[in-house]
N, C-alpha and C. Protein backbone atom coordinates (compact mmCIF):
# COMPACT_ATOMS: atom_id res chain seq x y z
N MET A 1 102.47 58.76 104.45
CA MET A 1 103.07 60.22 105.23
C MET A 1 101.90 61.23 104.80
N ASN A 2 101.86 62.09 105.54
CA ASN A 2 100.69 63.20 105.20
C ASN A 2 101.22 63.83 103.80
N PRO A 3 100.69 63.92 102.86
CA PRO A 3 100.95 64.70 101.64
C PRO A 3 101.64 66.22 101.92
N LEU A 4 101.00 66.81 102.89
CA LEU A 4 101.35 68.35 103.34
C LEU A 4 102.66 68.36 103.96
N VAL A 5 103.09 67.46 104.81
CA VAL A 5 104.33 67.23 105.34
C VAL A 5 105.39 66.72 104.10
N GLU A 6 105.03 65.70 103.39
CA GLU A 6 105.92 65.35 102.40
C GLU A 6 106.27 67.01 101.14
N PHE A 7 105.12 67.73 100.99
CA PHE A 7 105.20 68.74 100.40
C PHE A 7 106.08 69.97 101.10
N MET A 8 106.35 69.92 102.41
CA MET A 8 107.14 70.87 102.98
C MET A 8 108.33 70.15 102.91
N LEU A 9 108.82 68.74 103.14
CA LEU A 9 109.86 68.20 103.25
C LEU A 9 110.54 68.41 102.04
N LEU A 10 109.99 68.50 100.81
CA LEU A 10 109.95 68.94 99.22
C LEU A 10 110.64 70.26 98.89
N ASN A 11 110.49 71.08 99.62
CA ASN A 11 110.55 72.60 99.61
C ASN A 11 111.35 73.08 100.95
N PRO A 12 112.80 73.01 100.52
CA PRO A 12 113.71 73.44 101.98
C PRO A 12 113.20 75.03 102.12
N GLY A 13 112.94 75.06 103.71
CA GLY A 13 112.96 76.43 104.28
C GLY A 13 111.45 76.39 104.44
N LEU A 14 110.58 75.84 103.60
CA LEU A 14 109.15 75.99 104.16
C LEU A 14 108.36 75.84 105.25
N ALA A 15 109.03 74.65 105.87
CA ALA A 15 108.50 74.47 107.47
C ALA A 15 108.97 75.72 108.22
N ASP A 16 110.37 75.95 107.99
CA ASP A 16 110.83 76.94 108.95
C ASP A 16 110.13 78.55 108.74
N ARG A 17 109.66 78.71 107.78
CA ARG A 17 109.13 79.97 107.41
C ARG A 17 107.44 79.77 107.85
N LEU A 18 106.66 78.80 107.71
CA LEU A 18 105.63 78.58 108.35
C LEU A 18 105.69 78.58 109.86
N ILE A 19 106.52 78.15 110.42
CA ILE A 19 106.93 78.08 111.97
C ILE A 19 107.04 79.41 112.48
N ALA A 20 107.55 80.16 111.78
CA ALA A 20 107.77 81.38 112.14
C ALA A 20 106.75 82.44 112.15
N GLU A 21 105.85 82.33 111.22
CA GLU A 21 104.86 83.37 110.74
C GLU A 21 103.56 82.59 111.72
N HIS A 22 103.49 81.35 112.03
CA HIS A 22 101.98 81.17 112.60
C HIS A 22 102.46 80.61 114.15
N VAL A 23 102.40 81.87 114.52
CA VAL A 23 102.80 81.83 116.06
C VAL A 23 101.46 82.36 117.27
N ASP A 24 101.82 82.01 118.19
CA ASP A 24 100.75 82.27 119.26
C ASP A 24 100.40 83.97 119.37
N ASP A 25 99.61 84.47 119.53
CA ASP A 25 99.62 86.01 119.81
C ASP A 25 99.26 86.21 120.95
N GLY A 26 99.52 85.47 122.05
CA GLY A 26 99.39 85.49 123.38
C GLY A 26 98.15 85.28 124.16
N ARG A 27 97.17 85.05 123.23
CA ARG A 27 95.97 84.61 123.78
C ARG A 27 95.50 83.53 123.30
N ARG A 28 96.62 82.62 122.76
CA ARG A 28 96.05 81.32 122.31
C ARG A 28 95.54 81.32 120.78
N TYR A 29 95.68 82.30 120.02
CA TYR A 29 95.25 82.61 118.88
C TYR A 29 96.27 82.44 117.74
N CYS A 30 96.46 82.12 116.15
CA CYS A 30 97.39 82.36 115.69
C CYS A 30 97.47 83.77 114.94
N ARG A 31 98.60 84.51 114.79
CA ARG A 31 98.49 85.46 114.44
C ARG A 31 98.35 85.63 112.75
N MET A 32 98.40 84.43 112.32
CA MET A 32 98.41 84.71 110.73
C MET A 32 97.10 84.11 110.38
N CYS A 33 96.48 83.23 110.81
CA CYS A 33 95.38 82.17 110.45
C CYS A 33 93.81 83.25 110.96
N ALA A 34 93.49 84.19 109.88
CA ALA A 34 92.25 84.88 110.14
C ALA A 34 91.11 83.92 109.73
N LEU A 35 90.14 84.12 110.34
CA LEU A 35 88.80 83.48 110.17
C LEU A 35 87.91 84.24 109.08
N GLY A 36 88.27 85.28 109.10
CA GLY A 36 87.52 86.22 107.82
C GLY A 36 87.30 87.72 108.34
N ALA A 37 86.72 88.59 107.99
CA ALA A 37 86.47 89.99 108.46
C ALA A 37 85.67 89.78 109.79
N GLN A 38 86.37 90.37 110.57
CA GLN A 38 85.56 90.66 111.90
C GLN A 38 85.38 89.29 112.94
N ARG A 39 85.75 88.39 112.52
CA ARG A 39 85.61 87.06 112.91
C ARG A 39 86.41 86.59 113.74
N GLY A 40 87.77 87.13 113.80
CA GLY A 40 88.86 86.49 114.98
C GLY A 40 89.71 85.73 114.15
N TYR A 41 90.39 84.72 115.00
CA TYR A 41 91.60 83.93 114.42
C TYR A 41 91.47 82.59 114.84
N PHE A 42 92.06 81.64 114.45
CA PHE A 42 91.93 80.32 114.73
C PHE A 42 92.93 79.93 115.91
N ARG A 43 92.48 79.13 116.88
CA ARG A 43 93.30 78.72 117.86
C ARG A 43 94.41 78.34 117.42
N PHE A 44 95.55 78.61 118.41
CA PHE A 44 97.09 78.30 118.13
C PHE A 44 97.32 76.82 119.24
N PRO A 45 98.09 75.80 118.45
CA PRO A 45 98.58 76.11 117.54
C PRO A 45 97.59 75.73 116.30
N CYS A 46 97.67 76.24 115.07
CA CYS A 46 96.48 76.17 113.90
C CYS A 46 97.09 74.88 113.10
N ASP A 47 96.30 74.01 112.42
CA ASP A 47 96.49 73.16 111.37
C ASP A 47 98.26 73.18 110.72
N ILE A 48 98.36 74.70 109.94
CA ILE A 48 99.38 74.61 109.33
C ILE A 48 100.76 74.81 110.23
N ARG A 49 100.58 75.20 111.45
CA ARG A 49 101.78 74.87 112.15
C ARG A 49 101.99 73.75 112.85
N LEU A 50 100.89 72.98 112.97
CA LEU A 50 101.31 71.47 113.65
C LEU A 50 101.77 70.87 112.41
N THR A 51 101.26 71.41 111.21
CA THR A 51 101.54 70.21 109.97
C THR A 51 103.24 70.55 109.75
N ALA A 52 103.65 71.99 109.94
CA ALA A 52 105.12 72.63 109.64
C ALA A 52 105.85 71.80 110.97
N ASP A 53 105.35 71.54 112.14
CA ASP A 53 106.22 71.12 113.21
C ASP A 53 106.62 69.64 113.17
N LYS A 54 105.47 68.97 112.34
CA LYS A 54 105.76 67.48 112.05
C LYS A 54 106.77 67.31 110.93
N ALA A 55 106.79 68.27 110.08
CA ALA A 55 107.59 68.19 108.83
C ALA A 55 108.65 68.55 109.52
N LYS A 56 109.24 69.25 110.43
CA LYS A 56 110.47 69.64 111.20
C LYS A 56 111.05 68.24 111.97
N GLU A 57 109.94 67.85 112.61
CA GLU A 57 110.20 66.59 113.74
C GLU A 57 110.87 65.50 112.55
N PHE A 58 110.10 65.53 111.74
CA PHE A 58 110.40 64.18 110.38
C PHE A 58 111.84 64.47 110.19
N GLU A 59 112.36 65.82 109.58
CA GLU A 59 113.47 66.25 109.32
C GLU A 59 114.55 66.26 110.11
N SER A 60 114.20 66.23 111.48
CA SER A 60 115.50 65.98 112.34
C SER A 60 115.65 64.64 112.67
N ARG A 61 114.80 63.70 112.24
CA ARG A 61 115.15 62.48 112.53
C ARG A 61 116.15 61.86 111.25
N GLY A 62 116.42 62.46 110.18
CA GLY A 62 117.25 62.33 109.18
C GLY A 62 116.63 60.87 108.49
N PRO A 63 117.46 60.37 107.86
CA PRO A 63 117.14 59.67 106.49
C PRO A 63 116.62 58.18 107.16
N ALA A 64 116.38 57.73 108.41
CA ALA A 64 115.97 56.86 109.06
C ALA A 64 114.59 56.58 108.58
N GLY A 65 113.87 57.44 108.28
CA GLY A 65 112.32 57.22 107.57
C GLY A 65 111.57 57.87 108.83
N PRO A 66 110.06 57.82 108.46
CA PRO A 66 109.18 58.25 109.43
C PRO A 66 108.79 57.37 110.75
N PRO A 67 108.41 57.72 111.95
CA PRO A 67 108.45 56.63 112.79
C PRO A 67 107.24 55.83 112.67
N PRO A 68 107.26 54.56 113.41
CA PRO A 68 106.12 53.63 113.10
C PRO A 68 105.13 53.94 113.10
N GLY A 69 104.28 53.71 112.13
CA GLY A 69 102.73 54.33 112.12
C GLY A 69 102.62 55.30 111.52
N GLY A 70 103.49 56.02 110.78
CA GLY A 70 103.54 57.05 110.21
C GLY A 70 103.20 58.18 110.89
N PHE A 71 102.37 59.16 110.25
CA PHE A 71 102.04 60.84 110.48
C PHE A 71 100.46 60.63 110.65
């Protein structure tokens, strides 16, 4: 399992918070992930959002375990 997904699963509410913060700005960029001063933003979905989505997906599967092949 991806260690970041595992970390999110061990910290209740973290994936939900990250999903709420890392959203599309309407131009296909993440509102939260700045590249740096005057350089713009990362494309949406960003890696943080994708990882949080994976954690929520795993969470919704319940105790059955990860899908075949893992994440």
